[in-house]
Amino acid sequence: MHFRAIQTARRVLNLTSNLTAKRLQIRPNLVSIINRAELALDGLGKFVN
């Protein structure tokens, strides 16, 4: 359950960052926030499994 939720969240983050980067001139701080969120999800995934 947890793992599936984390995978879904990562997919949403990836899609969001890809779309935002393509359509807008993305702000560096937003990119770093997304990267931090992905790292946090990776850490969470390792912790949960």
Protein backbone atom coordinates (compact mmCIF):
# COMPACT_ATOMS: atom_id res chain seq x y z
CA MET A 1 0.00 0.00 0.00
CA HIS A 2 2.64 2.50 1.09
CA PHE A 3 4.93 1.61 -1.77
CA ARG A 4 2.18 2.07 -4.35
CA ALA A 5 1.29 5.48 -2.91
CA ILE A 6 4.94 6.54 -3.04
CA GLN A 7 5.29 5.38 -6.66
CA THR A 8 2.16 7.31 -7.60
CA ALA A 9 3.42 10.43 -5.85
CA ARG A 10 6.74 10.17 -7.69
CA ARG A 11 4.96 9.80 -11.02
CA VAL A 12 2.88 12.89 -10.31
CA LEU A 13 6.02 14.81 -9.35
CA ASN A 14 7.81 13.70 -12.50
CA LEU A 15 4.88 14.65 -14.72
CA THR A 16 4.49 17.98 -12.95
CA SER A 17 8.16 18.87 -13.25
CA ASN A 18 8.30 17.78 -16.92
CA LEU A 19 5.20 19.73 -17.90
CA THR A 20 6.22 22.79 -15.94
CA ALA A 21 9.74 22.79 -17.38
CA LYS A 22 8.39 22.48 -20.92
CA ARG A 23 5.59 25.03 -20.73
CA LEU A 24 7.08 27.65 -18.43
CA GLN A 25 10.47 29.06 -17.75
CA ILE A 26 10.72 27.30 -14.43
CA ARG A 27 12.21 29.00 -11.42
CA PRO A 28 15.31 27.28 -10.01
CA ASN A 29 13.87 27.22 -6.49
CA LEU A 30 10.79 25.35 -7.72
CA VAL A 31 13.03 22.79 -9.41
CA SER A 32 14.98 22.30 -6.19
CA ILE A 33 11.76 21.90 -4.21
CA ILE A 34 10.62 19.18 -6.64
CA ASN A 35 14.03 17.49 -6.43
CA ARG A 36 13.92 17.57 -2.63
CA ALA A 37 10.43 16.08 -2.67
CA GLU A 38 11.67 13.26 -4.93
CA LEU A 39 14.62 12.59 -2.62
CA ALA A 40 12.28 12.56 0.37
CA LEU A 41 10.02 10.06 -1.38
CA ASP A 42 13.01 7.87 -2.23
CA GLY A 43 14.07 7.91 1.41
CA LEU A 44 10.54 7.13 2.48
CA GLY A 45 10.36 4.22 0.05
CA LYS A 46 13.55 2.72 1.43
CA PHE A 47 12.31 3.22 4.98
CA VAL A 48 8.90 1.65 4.31
CA ASN A 49 10.16 -1.38 2.38
